C-alpha atoms as a PDB file:
ATOM      1  CA  MET A   1       1.516 -23.920  24.402  1.00  0.00           C
ATOM      2  CA  HIS A   2       1.869 -22.060  27.718  1.00  0.00           C
ATOM      3  CA  LYS A   3       0.257 -18.612  27.575  1.00  0.00           C
ATOM      4  CA  ASN A   4       3.623 -16.872  28.109  1.00  0.00           C
ATOM      5  CA  GLU A   5       5.515 -19.047  25.627  1.00  0.00           C
ATOM      6  CA  LEU A   6       6.393 -17.403  22.308  1.00  0.00           C
ATOM      7  CA  PRO A   7       5.549 -19.213  19.047  1.00  0.00           C
ATOM      8  CA  PRO A   8       8.466 -20.295  16.825  1.00  0.00           C
ATOM      9  CA  LEU A   9      10.182 -17.412  15.042  1.00  0.00           C
ATOM     10  CA  ASP A  10       9.803 -19.064  11.623  1.00  0.00           C
ATOM     11  CA  ALA A  11       6.038 -19.277  12.109  1.00  0.00           C
ATOM     12  CA  LEU A  12       5.852 -15.608  13.106  1.00  0.00           C
ATOM     13  CA  ARG A  13       7.951 -14.588  10.089  1.00  0.00           C
ATOM     14  CA  ALA A  14       5.708 -16.589   7.757  1.00  0.00           C
ATOM     15  CA  PHE A  15       2.593 -15.059   9.298  1.00  0.00           C
ATOM     16  CA  GLU A  16       3.940 -11.491   9.162  1.00  0.00           C
ATOM     17  CA  ALA A  17       4.887 -11.797   5.488  1.00  0.00           C
ATOM     18  CA  ALA A  18       1.565 -13.433   4.549  1.00  0.00           C
ATOM     19  CA  ALA A  19      -0.403 -10.830   6.516  1.00  0.00           C
ATOM     20  CA  ARG A  20       1.517  -7.961   4.941  1.00  0.00           C
ATOM     21  CA  HIS A  21       0.935  -9.253   1.407  1.00  0.00           C
ATOM     22  CA  LEU A  22      -2.399 -10.976   2.105  1.00  0.00           C
ATOM     23  CA  SER A  23      -0.974 -13.749  -0.017  1.00  0.00           C
ATOM     24  CA  PHE A  24       0.791 -16.992   0.857  1.00  0.00           C
ATOM     25  CA  THR A  25       2.364 -17.022  -2.613  1.00  0.00           C
ATOM     26  CA  ARG A  26       3.942 -13.566  -2.317  1.00  0.00           C
ATOM     27  CA  ALA A  27       5.067 -14.330   1.242  1.00  0.00           C
ATOM     28  CA  ALA A  28       6.783 -17.472  -0.032  1.00  0.00           C
ATOM     29  CA  GLU A  29       8.569 -15.473  -2.733  1.00  0.00           C
ATOM     30  CA  GLU A  30       9.806 -12.983  -0.153  1.00  0.00           C
ATOM     31  CA  LEU A  31      11.018 -15.688   2.253  1.00  0.00           C
ATOM     32  CA  PHE A  32      12.466 -17.940  -0.485  1.00  0.00           C
ATOM     33  CA  VAL A  33      10.376 -20.942   0.561  1.00  0.00           C
ATOM     34  CA  THR A  34       7.414 -22.748  -0.982  1.00  0.00           C
ATOM     35  CA  GLN A  35       3.832 -21.579  -0.728  1.00  0.00           C
ATOM     36  CA  SER A  36       3.030 -24.833   1.030  1.00  0.00           C
ATOM     37  CA  ALA A  37       5.682 -24.146   3.666  1.00  0.00           C
ATOM     38  CA  VAL A  38       4.182 -20.728   4.449  1.00  0.00           C
ATOM     39  CA  SER A  39       0.690 -22.186   4.647  1.00  0.00           C
ATOM     40  CA  LYS A  40       1.819 -24.952   7.024  1.00  0.00           C
ATOM     41  CA  GLN A  41       3.629 -22.461   9.272  1.00  0.00           C
ATOM     42  CA  VAL A  42       0.515 -20.286   9.496  1.00  0.00           C
ATOM     43  CA  ILE A  43      -1.729 -23.277  10.224  1.00  0.00           C
ATOM     44  CA  ALA A  44       0.683 -24.399  12.958  1.00  0.00           C
ATOM     45  CA  LEU A  45       0.660 -20.877  14.429  1.00  0.00           C
ATOM     46  CA  GLU A  46      -3.142 -20.754  14.410  1.00  0.00           C
ATOM     47  CA  SER A  47      -3.216 -24.126  16.136  1.00  0.00           C
ATOM     48  CA  ALA A  48      -0.699 -23.024  18.767  1.00  0.00           C
ATOM     49  CA  LEU A  49      -2.674 -19.845  19.466  1.00  0.00           C
ATOM     50  CA  ALA A  50      -6.046 -21.624  19.237  1.00  0.00           C
ATOM     51  CA  THR A  51      -7.427 -18.829  17.059  1.00  0.00           C
ATOM     52  CA  ARG A  52      -7.910 -18.096  13.376  1.00  0.00           C
ATOM     53  CA  LEU A  53      -5.624 -15.420  11.959  1.00  0.00           C
ATOM     54  CA  PHE A  54      -6.930 -15.389   8.386  1.00  0.00           C
ATOM     55  CA  GLU A  55     -10.275 -15.588   6.641  1.00  0.00           C
ATOM     56  CA  ARG A  56      -9.576 -17.812   3.650  1.00  0.00           C
ATOM     57  CA  LYS A  57     -11.810 -16.644   0.827  1.00  0.00           C
ATOM     58  CA  THR A  58     -11.956 -17.705  -2.797  1.00  0.00           C
ATOM     59  CA  ARG A  59      -8.703 -16.478  -4.369  1.00  0.00           C
ATOM     60  CA  ALA A  60      -8.179 -14.034  -1.506  1.00  0.00           C
ATOM     61  CA  LEU A  61      -7.031 -13.751   2.108  1.00  0.00           C
ATOM     62  CA  ALA A  62      -8.282 -11.384   4.805  1.00  0.00           C
ATOM     63  CA  LEU A  63      -7.077 -10.891   8.349  1.00  0.00           C
ATOM     64  CA  THR A  64      -9.337 -11.629  11.289  1.00  0.00           C
ATOM     65  CA  ALA A  65      -9.382  -9.215  14.235  1.00  0.00           C
ATOM     66  CA  ALA A  66      -6.864 -11.504  15.963  1.00  0.00           C
ATOM     67  CA  GLY A  67      -4.715 -11.510  12.837  1.00  0.00           C
ATOM     68  CA  GLU A  68      -4.700  -7.720  12.671  1.00  0.00           C
ATOM     69  CA  ARG A  69      -3.658  -7.548  16.326  1.00  0.00           C
ATOM     70  CA  LEU A  70      -0.812 -10.005  15.776  1.00  0.00           C
ATOM     71  CA  LEU A  71       0.328  -8.213  12.602  1.00  0.00           C
ATOM     72  CA  ARG A  72       0.684  -4.926  14.462  1.00  0.00           C
ATOM     73  CA  ALA A  73       2.737  -6.642  17.162  1.00  0.00           C
ATOM     74  CA  THR A  74       4.974  -8.672  14.851  1.00  0.00           C
ATOM     75  CA  ALA A  75       5.622  -5.780  12.442  1.00  0.00           C
ATOM     76  CA  ALA A  76       6.717  -3.555  15.316  1.00  0.00           C
ATOM     77  CA  ALA A  77       8.847  -6.295  16.869  1.00  0.00           C
ATOM     78  CA  PHE A  78      10.612  -7.181  13.610  1.00  0.00           C
ATOM     79  CA  ALA A  79      11.303  -3.501  12.875  1.00  0.00           C
ATOM     80  CA  GLU A  80      12.881  -3.112  16.313  1.00  0.00           C
ATOM     81  CA  LEU A  81      14.922  -6.302  15.853  1.00  0.00           C
ATOM     82  CA  ARG A  82      16.221  -5.116  12.473  1.00  0.00           C
ATOM     83  CA  ALA A  83      17.254  -1.763  13.925  1.00  0.00           C
ATOM     84  CA  ALA A  84      19.006  -3.355  16.904  1.00  0.00           C
ATOM     85  CA  THR A  85      20.747  -5.930  14.696  1.00  0.00           C
ATOM     86  CA  ALA A  86      22.014  -3.226  12.344  1.00  0.00           C
ATOM     87  CA  GLU A  87      23.416  -1.277  15.284  1.00  0.00           C
ATOM     88  CA  LEU A  88      25.150  -4.339  16.754  1.00  0.00           C
ATOM     89  CA  ARG A  89      26.667  -5.309  13.429  1.00  0.00           C
ATOM     90  CA  GLY A  90      28.109  -1.843  13.112  1.00  0.00           C
ATOM     91  CA  GLY A  91      29.764  -0.902   9.854  1.00  0.00           C
ATOM     92  CA  ASP A  92      30.229   2.394   8.103  1.00  0.00           C
ATOM     93  CA  GLU A  93      27.502   2.025   5.476  1.00  0.00           C
ATOM     94  CA  PRO A  94      25.250   5.122   5.532  1.00  0.00           C
ATOM     95  CA  THR A  95      21.603   4.142   5.861  1.00  0.00           C
ATOM     96  CA  VAL A  96      18.281   5.938   5.482  1.00  0.00           C
ATOM     97  CA  THR A  97      15.435   4.478   7.526  1.00  0.00           C
ATOM     98  CA  LEU A  98      11.978   5.248   6.147  1.00  0.00           C
ATOM     99  CA  ALA A  99       8.518   4.504   7.521  1.00  0.00           C
ATOM    100  CA  THR A 100       5.601   4.477   5.102  1.00  0.00           C
ATOM    101  CA  THR A 101       2.467   2.595   4.106  1.00  0.00           C
ATOM    102  CA  GLN A 102       2.494  -0.736   2.317  1.00  0.00           C
ATOM    103  CA  ALA A 103       0.655   0.779  -0.643  1.00  0.00           C
ATOM    104  CA  PHE A 104       3.086   3.665  -1.166  1.00  0.00           C
ATOM    105  CA  ALA A 105       6.086   1.368  -0.731  1.00  0.00           C
ATOM    106  CA  SER A 106       4.984  -1.406  -3.078  1.00  0.00           C
ATOM    107  CA  LEU A 107       3.142   0.603  -5.752  1.00  0.00           C
ATOM    108  CA  TRP A 108       5.243   3.778  -5.983  1.00  0.00           C
ATOM    109  CA  LEU A 109       8.562   3.694  -4.123  1.00  0.00           C
ATOM    110  CA  ILE A 110      10.002   0.203  -4.581  1.00  0.00           C
ATOM    111  CA  PRO A 111       9.716   0.209  -8.418  1.00  0.00           C
ATOM    112  CA  ARG A 112      11.907   3.355  -8.395  1.00  0.00           C
ATOM    113  CA  LEU A 113      14.524   2.323  -5.830  1.00  0.00           C
ATOM    114  CA  ALA A 114      16.791   0.667  -8.378  1.00  0.00           C
ATOM    115  CA  ASP A 115      17.462   4.134  -9.773  1.00  0.00           C
ATOM    116  CA  PHE A 116      18.481   5.406  -6.330  1.00  0.00           C
ATOM    117  CA  ARG A 117      20.779   2.431  -5.786  1.00  0.00           C
ATOM    118  CA  ARG A 118      22.373   3.041  -9.178  1.00  0.00           C
ATOM    119  CA  ARG A 119      23.071   6.685  -8.322  1.00  0.00           C
ATOM    120  CA  HIS A 120      23.995   6.164  -4.673  1.00  0.00           C
ATOM    121  CA  PRO A 121      25.405   2.615  -4.349  1.00  0.00           C
ATOM    122  CA  GLY A 122      26.976   3.451  -1.006  1.00  0.00           C
ATOM    123  CA  ILE A 123      23.684   4.330   0.721  1.00  0.00           C
ATOM    124  CA  ASP A 124      21.444   1.613   2.132  1.00  0.00           C
ATOM    125  CA  ILE A 125      17.686   2.066   2.450  1.00  0.00           C
ATOM    126  CA  ARG A 126      15.656   0.400   5.206  1.00  0.00           C
ATOM    127  CA  ILE A 127      11.890   0.568   4.702  1.00  0.00           C
ATOM    128  CA  SER A 128       9.264  -0.197   7.324  1.00  0.00           C
ATOM    129  CA  ALA A 129       5.958  -0.529   5.478  1.00  0.00           C
ATOM    130  CA  ASP A 130       2.998  -0.656   7.826  1.00  0.00           C
ATOM    131  CA  THR A 131      -0.487   0.771   8.291  1.00  0.00           C
ATOM    132  CA  ARG A 132       0.449   1.986  11.781  1.00  0.00           C
ATOM    133  CA  LEU A 133       1.351   5.610  12.378  1.00  0.00           C
ATOM    134  CA  VAL A 134       4.849   5.315  13.815  1.00  0.00           C
ATOM    135  CA  ASP A 135       6.622   7.776  16.086  1.00  0.00           C
ATOM    136  CA  LEU A 136       9.637   8.954  14.082  1.00  0.00           C
ATOM    137  CA  GLU A 137      11.809   9.608  17.096  1.00  0.00           C
ATOM    138  CA  ARG A 138      10.935   6.563  19.192  1.00  0.00           C
ATOM    139  CA  GLY A 139      10.958   4.316  16.140  1.00  0.00           C
ATOM    140  CA  ARG A 140      14.476   5.422  15.168  1.00  0.00           C
ATOM    141  CA  PHE A 141      13.396   6.486  11.702  1.00  0.00           C
ATOM    142  CA  ASP A 142      15.023   9.224   9.652  1.00  0.00           C
ATOM    143  CA  ALA A 143      11.903   9.956   7.641  1.00  0.00           C
ATOM    144  CA  ALA A 144       8.319   8.972   6.964  1.00  0.00           C
ATOM    145  CA  VAL A 145       5.948   9.341   4.046  1.00  0.00           C
ATOM    146  CA  ARG A 146       2.503  10.204   5.363  1.00  0.00           C
ATOM    147  CA  TYR A 147      -0.901  10.987   3.924  1.00  0.00           C
ATOM    148  CA  LEU A 148      -1.897  14.356   5.399  1.00  0.00           C
ATOM    149  CA  GLN A 149      -4.262  17.230   4.842  1.00  0.00           C
ATOM    150  CA  ASP A 150      -2.290  20.257   3.675  1.00  0.00           C
ATOM    151  CA  ARG A 151      -3.246  22.267   6.738  1.00  0.00           C
ATOM    152  CA  ASN A 152      -1.851  19.557   9.049  1.00  0.00           C
ATOM    153  CA  ALA A 153       1.507  19.164   7.319  1.00  0.00           C
ATOM    154  CA  PRO A 154       4.551  20.606   9.138  1.00  0.00           C
ATOM    155  CA  ALA A 155       6.195  23.583   7.452  1.00  0.00           C
ATOM    156  CA  THR A 156       9.399  21.553   7.036  1.00  0.00           C
ATOM    157  CA  ALA A 157       7.647  18.673   5.234  1.00  0.00           C
ATOM    158  CA  LEU A 158       8.195  18.046   1.523  1.00  0.00           C
ATOM    159  CA  ARG A 159       4.880  17.811  -0.352  1.00  0.00           C
ATOM    160  CA  LEU A 160       5.182  14.947  -2.808  1.00  0.00           C
ATOM    161  CA  PHE A 161       1.822  14.936  -4.577  1.00  0.00           C
ATOM    162  CA  GLY A 162      -1.890  15.303  -4.100  1.00  0.00           C
ATOM    163  CA  ASP A 163      -4.309  12.765  -5.401  1.00  0.00           C
ATOM    164  CA  THR A 164      -7.431  11.939  -7.352  1.00  0.00           C
ATOM    165  CA  VAL A 165      -9.753   8.953  -6.912  1.00  0.00           C
ATOM    166  CA  LEU A 166     -10.895   6.997  -9.957  1.00  0.00           C
ATOM    167  CA  PRO A 167     -12.118   3.481 -10.838  1.00  0.00           C
ATOM    168  CA  VAL A 168      -9.527   1.218 -12.483  1.00  0.00           C
ATOM    169  CA  ALA A 169      -9.621  -2.242 -14.016  1.00  0.00           C
ATOM    170  CA  SER A 170      -7.501  -4.516 -16.154  1.00  0.00           C
ATOM    171  CA  PRO A 171      -8.035  -4.371 -19.933  1.00  0.00           C
ATOM    172  CA  ALA A 172      -8.740  -8.117 -19.901  1.00  0.00           C
ATOM    173  CA  LEU A 173     -11.625  -7.651 -17.455  1.00  0.00           C
ATOM    174  CA  LEU A 174     -13.335  -5.081 -19.672  1.00  0.00           C
ATOM    175  CA  LYS A 175     -13.068  -7.447 -22.605  1.00  0.00           C
ATOM    176  CA  SER A 176     -14.675 -10.313 -20.678  1.00  0.00           C
ATOM    177  CA  ALA A 177     -17.217  -8.513 -18.468  1.00  0.00           C
ATOM    178  CA  GLY A 178     -18.152  -5.664 -20.764  1.00  0.00           C
ATOM    179  CA  PRO A 179     -17.120  -2.035 -21.214  1.00  0.00           C
ATOM    180  CA  LEU A 180     -17.299   0.815 -18.715  1.00  0.00           C
ATOM    181  CA  ALA A 181     -18.606   3.838 -20.586  1.00  0.00           C
ATOM    182  CA  LYS A 182     -20.674   5.346 -17.774  1.00  0.00           C
ATOM    183  CA  PRO A 183     -20.983   4.805 -13.992  1.00  0.00           C
ATOM    184  CA  ALA A 184     -24.200   2.796 -14.391  1.00  0.00           C
ATOM    185  CA  ASP A 185     -22.166   0.140 -16.264  1.00  0.00           C
ATOM    186  CA  LEU A 186     -20.588  -0.814 -12.932  1.00  0.00           C
ATOM    187  CA  ALA A 187     -23.754  -2.832 -12.285  1.00  0.00           C
ATOM    188  CA  ARG A 188     -22.363  -5.615 -14.471  1.00  0.00           C
ATOM    189  CA  HIS A 189     -18.998  -5.706 -12.695  1.00  0.00           C
ATOM    190  CA  VAL A 190     -17.574  -7.031  -9.429  1.00  0.00           C
ATOM    191  CA  LEU A 191     -16.427  -4.173  -7.189  1.00  0.00           C
ATOM    192  CA  LEU A 192     -13.187  -4.553  -5.251  1.00  0.00           C
ATOM    193  CA  VAL A 193     -13.840  -2.991  -1.852  1.00  0.00           C
ATOM    194  CA  TYR A 194     -11.203  -1.525   0.440  1.00  0.00           C
ATOM    195  CA  GLU A 195     -12.604  -1.908   3.954  1.00  0.00           C
ATOM    196  CA  ASP A 196     -11.016   0.993   5.825  1.00  0.00           C
ATOM    197  CA  ALA A 197     -11.878   0.007   9.398  1.00  0.00           C
ATOM    198  CA  GLU A 198     -10.355   3.158  10.882  1.00  0.00           C
ATOM    199  CA  GLN A 199     -11.980   5.434   8.270  1.00  0.00           C
ATOM    200  CA  ARG A 200      -8.668   7.041   7.325  1.00  0.00           C
ATOM    201  CA  ARG A 201      -9.584   7.141   3.623  1.00  0.00           C
ATOM    202  CA  PRO A 202     -13.372   7.598   3.294  1.00  0.00           C
ATOM    203  CA  TRP A 203     -12.882   8.863  -0.264  1.00  0.00           C
ATOM    204  CA  LEU A 204     -11.954   5.286  -1.269  1.00  0.00           C
ATOM    205  CA  SER A 205     -15.459   4.144  -0.313  1.00  0.00           C
ATOM    206  CA  TRP A 206     -17.572   2.868  -3.191  1.00  0.00           C
ATOM    207  CA  PRO A 207     -20.863   4.207  -1.730  1.00  0.00           C
ATOM    208  CA  ALA A 208     -19.331   7.691  -1.486  1.00  0.00           C
ATOM    209  CA  TRP A 209     -17.932   7.526  -5.025  1.00  0.00           C
ATOM    210  CA  LEU A 210     -21.173   6.175  -6.504  1.00  0.00           C
ATOM    211  CA  GLU A 211     -23.137   8.967  -4.845  1.00  0.00           C
ATOM    212  CA  MET A 212     -20.804  11.621  -6.256  1.00  0.00           C
ATOM    213  CA  ALA A 213     -21.042   9.953  -9.680  1.00  0.00           C
ATOM    214  CA  GLY A 214     -24.840  10.170  -9.575  1.00  0.00           C
ATOM    215  CA  VAL A 215     -25.600   6.447  -9.239  1.00  0.00           C
ATOM    216  CA  ALA A 216     -26.171   6.085  -5.499  1.00  0.00           C
ATOM    217  CA  GLY A 217     -27.687   2.721  -4.607  1.00  0.00           C
ATOM    218  CA  LEU A 218     -26.201   0.926  -7.632  1.00  0.00           C
ATOM    219  CA  ARG A 219     -26.056  -2.848  -7.110  1.00  0.00           C
ATOM    220  CA  PRO A 220     -22.918  -4.416  -8.609  1.00  0.00           C
ATOM    221  CA  ALA A 221     -22.611  -7.963  -9.909  1.00  0.00           C
ATOM    222  CA  GLY A 222     -20.689  -8.822  -6.746  1.00  0.00           C
ATOM    223  CA  SER A 223     -17.921  -7.632  -4.463  1.00  0.00           C
ATOM    224  CA  ILE A 224     -14.632  -8.767  -2.923  1.00  0.00           C
ATOM    225  CA  ALA A 225     -13.479  -6.944   0.206  1.00  0.00           C
ATOM    226  CA  PHE A 226      -9.923  -6.355   1.443  1.00  0.00           C
ATOM    227  CA  ASN A 227      -8.750  -4.767   4.676  1.00  0.00           C
ATOM    228  CA  GLN A 228      -5.633  -3.303   3.039  1.00  0.00           C
ATOM    229  CA  TYR A 229      -5.297  -1.101  -0.012  1.00  0.00           C
ATOM    230  CA  GLU A 230      -2.403  -2.702  -1.878  1.00  0.00           C
ATOM    231  CA  PRO A 231      -4.103  -6.123  -2.329  1.00  0.00           C
ATOM    232  CA  THR A 232      -7.158  -4.292  -3.681  1.00  0.00           C
ATOM    233  CA  VAL A 233      -5.041  -2.921  -6.526  1.00  0.00           C
ATOM    234  CA  ARG A 234      -3.383  -6.305  -7.018  1.00  0.00           C
ATOM    235  CA  ALA A 235      -6.799  -7.899  -7.413  1.00  0.00           C
ATOM    236  CA  ALA A 236      -7.660  -5.311 -10.075  1.00  0.00           C
ATOM    237  CA  LEU A 237      -4.435  -6.187 -11.906  1.00  0.00           C
ATOM    238  CA  ASP A 238      -5.449  -9.850 -11.766  1.00  0.00           C
ATOM    239  CA  GLY A 239      -8.774  -9.023 -13.451  1.00  0.00           C
ATOM    240  CA  GLN A 240     -10.943  -9.856 -10.439  1.00  0.00           C
ATOM    241  CA  GLY A 241     -12.989  -6.649 -10.529  1.00  0.00           C
ATOM    242  CA  VAL A 242     -13.010  -2.853 -10.562  1.00  0.00           C
ATOM    243  CA  ALA A 243     -11.155  -0.986  -7.800  1.00  0.00           C
ATOM    244  CA  LEU A 244     -11.184   2.584  -6.604  1.00  0.00           C
ATOM    245  CA  ALA A 245      -7.609   3.810  -6.848  1.00  0.00           C
ATOM    246  CA  THR A 246      -5.582   6.822  -5.866  1.00  0.00           C
ATOM    247  CA  GLN A 247      -4.264   8.022  -9.219  1.00  0.00           C
ATOM    248  CA  ALA A 248      -0.776   8.958  -8.019  1.00  0.00           C
ATOM    249  CA  LEU A 249      -0.106   5.403  -6.830  1.00  0.00           C
ATOM    250  CA  VAL A 250      -1.354   3.668  -9.978  1.00  0.00           C
ATOM    251  CA  ALA A 251      -0.109   6.207 -12.551  1.00  0.00           C
ATOM    252  CA  ASP A 252       2.732   3.897 -13.628  1.00  0.00           C
ATOM    253  CA  LEU A 253       0.319   0.983 -14.064  1.00  0.00           C
ATOM    254  CA  LEU A 254      -2.020   3.179 -16.117  1.00  0.00           C
ATOM    255  CA  HIS A 255       0.819   4.461 -18.253  1.00  0.00           C
ATOM    256  CA  ALA A 256       2.018   0.890 -18.895  1.00  0.00           C
ATOM    257  CA  GLY A 257      -1.502  -0.198 -19.861  1.00  0.00           C
ATOM    258  CA  ARG A 258      -1.717  -2.801 -17.102  1.00  0.00           C
ATOM    259  CA  LEU A 259      -4.691  -0.891 -15.711  1.00  0.00           C
ATOM    260  CA  VAL A 260      -7.155   1.402 -17.465  1.00  0.00           C
ATOM    261  CA  ALA A 261      -9.385   4.165 -16.131  1.00  0.00           C
ATOM    262  CA  PRO A 262     -12.267   4.250 -18.621  1.00  0.00           C
ATOM    263  CA  LEU A 263     -14.671   6.502 -16.694  1.00  0.00           C
ATOM    264  CA  PRO A 264     -14.211  10.299 -16.870  1.00  0.00           C
ATOM    265  CA  GLN A 265     -15.529  10.811 -13.306  1.00  0.00           C
ATOM    266  CA  ARG A 266     -12.499  11.552 -11.113  1.00  0.00           C
ATOM    267  CA  PHE A 267     -12.742  13.219  -7.731  1.00  0.00           C
ATOM    268  CA  ALA A 268     -10.056  15.024  -5.744  1.00  0.00           C
ATOM    269  CA  ASN A 269      -9.496  13.852  -2.186  1.00  0.00           C
ATOM    270  CA  PRO A 270      -8.471  16.230   0.616  1.00  0.00           C
ATOM    271  CA  ARG A 271      -5.015  14.825   1.375  1.00  0.00           C
ATOM    272  CA  ALA A 272      -1.545  14.620  -0.121  1.00  0.00           C
ATOM    273  CA  TYR A 273       1.601  12.566   0.401  1.00  0.00           C
ATOM    274  CA  TYR A 274       4.340  14.293   2.403  1.00  0.00           C
ATOM    275  CA  LEU A 275       7.907  13.411   3.333  1.00  0.00           C
ATOM    276  CA  LEU A 276       8.571  14.195   7.004  1.00  0.00           C
ATOM    277  CA  LEU A 277      12.059  14.208   8.519  1.00  0.00           C
ATOM    278  CA  SER A 278      12.856  13.348  12.120  1.00  0.00           C
ATOM    279  CA  ALA A 279      15.084  15.418  14.383  1.00  0.00           C
ATOM    280  CA  GLN A 280      17.874  12.860  14.004  1.00  0.00           C
ATOM    281  CA  ALA A 281      17.808  13.108  10.205  1.00  0.00           C
ATOM    282  CA  THR A 282      19.865  16.304  10.196  1.00  0.00           C
ATOM    283  CA  ALA A 283      22.797  14.330  11.600  1.00  0.00           C
ATOM    284  CA  ASN A 284      22.569  11.673   8.869  1.00  0.00           C
ATOM    285  CA  PRO A 285      24.392  12.755   5.666  1.00  0.00           C
ATOM    286  CA  ALA A 286      22.576  10.065   3.670  1.00  0.00           C
ATOM    287  CA  VAL A 287      19.169  11.683   4.148  1.00  0.00           C
ATOM    288  CA  GLU A 288      19.676  14.737   1.927  1.00  0.00           C
ATOM    289  CA  PRO A 289      20.624  12.733  -1.209  1.00  0.00           C
ATOM    290  CA  PHE A 290      17.546  10.588  -0.638  1.00  0.00           C
ATOM    291  CA  ARG A 291      15.306  13.646  -0.162  1.00  0.00           C
ATOM    292  CA  LEU A 292      16.620  15.280  -3.341  1.00  0.00           C
ATOM    293  CA  TRP A 293      16.224  12.041  -5.292  1.00  0.00           C
ATOM    294  CA  LEU A 294      12.665  11.636  -4.045  1.00  0.00           C
ATOM    295  CA  ALA A 295      11.776  15.185  -5.097  1.00  0.00           C
ATOM    296  CA  GLU A 296      13.208  14.497  -8.559  1.00  0.00           C
ATOM    297  CA  GLN A 297      11.214  11.270  -8.854  1.00  0.00           C
ATOM    298  CA  VAL A 298       8.033  13.114  -7.918  1.00  0.00           C
ATOM    299  CA  GLU A 299       8.659  15.685 -10.653  1.00  0.00           C
ATOM    300  CA  SER A 300       9.339  12.942 -13.210  1.00  0.00           C
ATOM    301  CA  ALA A 301       6.221  11.055 -12.148  1.00  0.00           C
ATOM    302  CA  ALA A 302       4.134  14.209 -12.608  1.00  0.00           C
ATOM    303  CA  VAL A 303       5.399  14.526 -16.180  1.00  0.00           C
ATOM    304  CA  GLY A 304       4.677  10.855 -16.820  1.00  0.00           C
ATOM    305  CA  THR A 305       1.154  11.229 -15.458  1.00  0.00           C
ATOM    306  CA  LYS A 306       0.474  14.114 -17.833  1.00  0.00           C
ATOM    307  CA  LEU A 307       1.640  11.959 -20.724  1.00  0.00           C
ATOM    308  CA  ALA A 308      -0.449   8.951 -19.692  1.00  0.00           C
ATOM    309  CA  PRO A 309      -3.368   8.261 -22.058  1.00  0.00           C
ATOM    310  CA  ARG A 310      -6.787   9.074 -20.638  1.00  0.00           C
ATOM    311  CA  PRO A 311     -10.220   8.201 -21.938  1.00  0.00           C
ATOM    312  CA  GLY A 312     -11.572  11.745 -21.669  1.00  0.00           C
ATOM    313  CA  PRO A 313     -11.378  14.977 -19.712  1.00  0.00           C
ATOM    314  CA  PRO A 314     -11.557  14.429 -15.927  1.00  0.00           C
ATOM    315  CA  ARG A 315     -14.262  15.969 -13.827  1.00  0.00           C
ATOM    316  CA  THR A 316     -12.998  17.118 -10.468  1.00  0.00           C
ATOM    317  CA  GLY A 317     -15.107  17.634  -7.395  1.00  0.00           C
ATOM    318  CA  ALA A 318     -14.734  17.689  -3.619  1.00  0.00           C
ATOM    319  CA  ALA A 319     -14.462  14.368  -1.836  1.00  0.00           C
ATOM    320  CA  ALA A 320     -16.622  13.604   1.151  1.00  0.00           C
END
């Protein structure tokens, strides 16, 4: 392939979906093709670029540095293509465009969107889920959900919820690997590690949590590392180990019993989720119904969290 020649679009779409999910299987489900087809497209793309895009680990995928670079480029390009296509197609359907993280979108927002569609069937929602911090104006977004310190949030932003960090695991894992009654019991478990390369969420670091829990230097039975947060939670759901989770994002999973939080040690982190509106949002009549619906969902989620069963009274402290 000539250095200025673009790879096939199908290969880029397969890569972008697999990189976003860190799973060939979930990418295949999204693209309505087979897992084998996604894998072959990615292998062909790696061959054409003469570089590895994924680290293929046992039961897990991780992006290489080259893969992360290509994901940023493809995600931005596809978002721009979708926006341009929507404009060219025209139509009178009101649309809200939202930028947010993959974790917030997949774990909290998307499970609730059916309710919004039921109430507002005439409003379309376009979500760009990415780890990049997008420019609301240049990116043509109406709104964004961002993770900010309270002092850095604009006065016009809607505070959705703060958060607490706690270890979570599947009930099946605790049955097979042993209970978690105290932090020292983590020594018999595999820890699911979120490798935050840009240090945006240091409170999701196991060394920091173990130190605050009074077991600094604990050696676990093993570890599996991920460079994105959402697959870390998915691995916990699959029973592959114990993950550090932000309680607001996994509250539904805890309430449903798909995850449990057996340890009482829970530490507050210094940030909260906020809804920010762009300057163009005031001219979009679809934004206000979405904002009001989101505020209502946050209130309902807070009630559900209070009702969720907990193993004991939480202990709250300051995160590092």
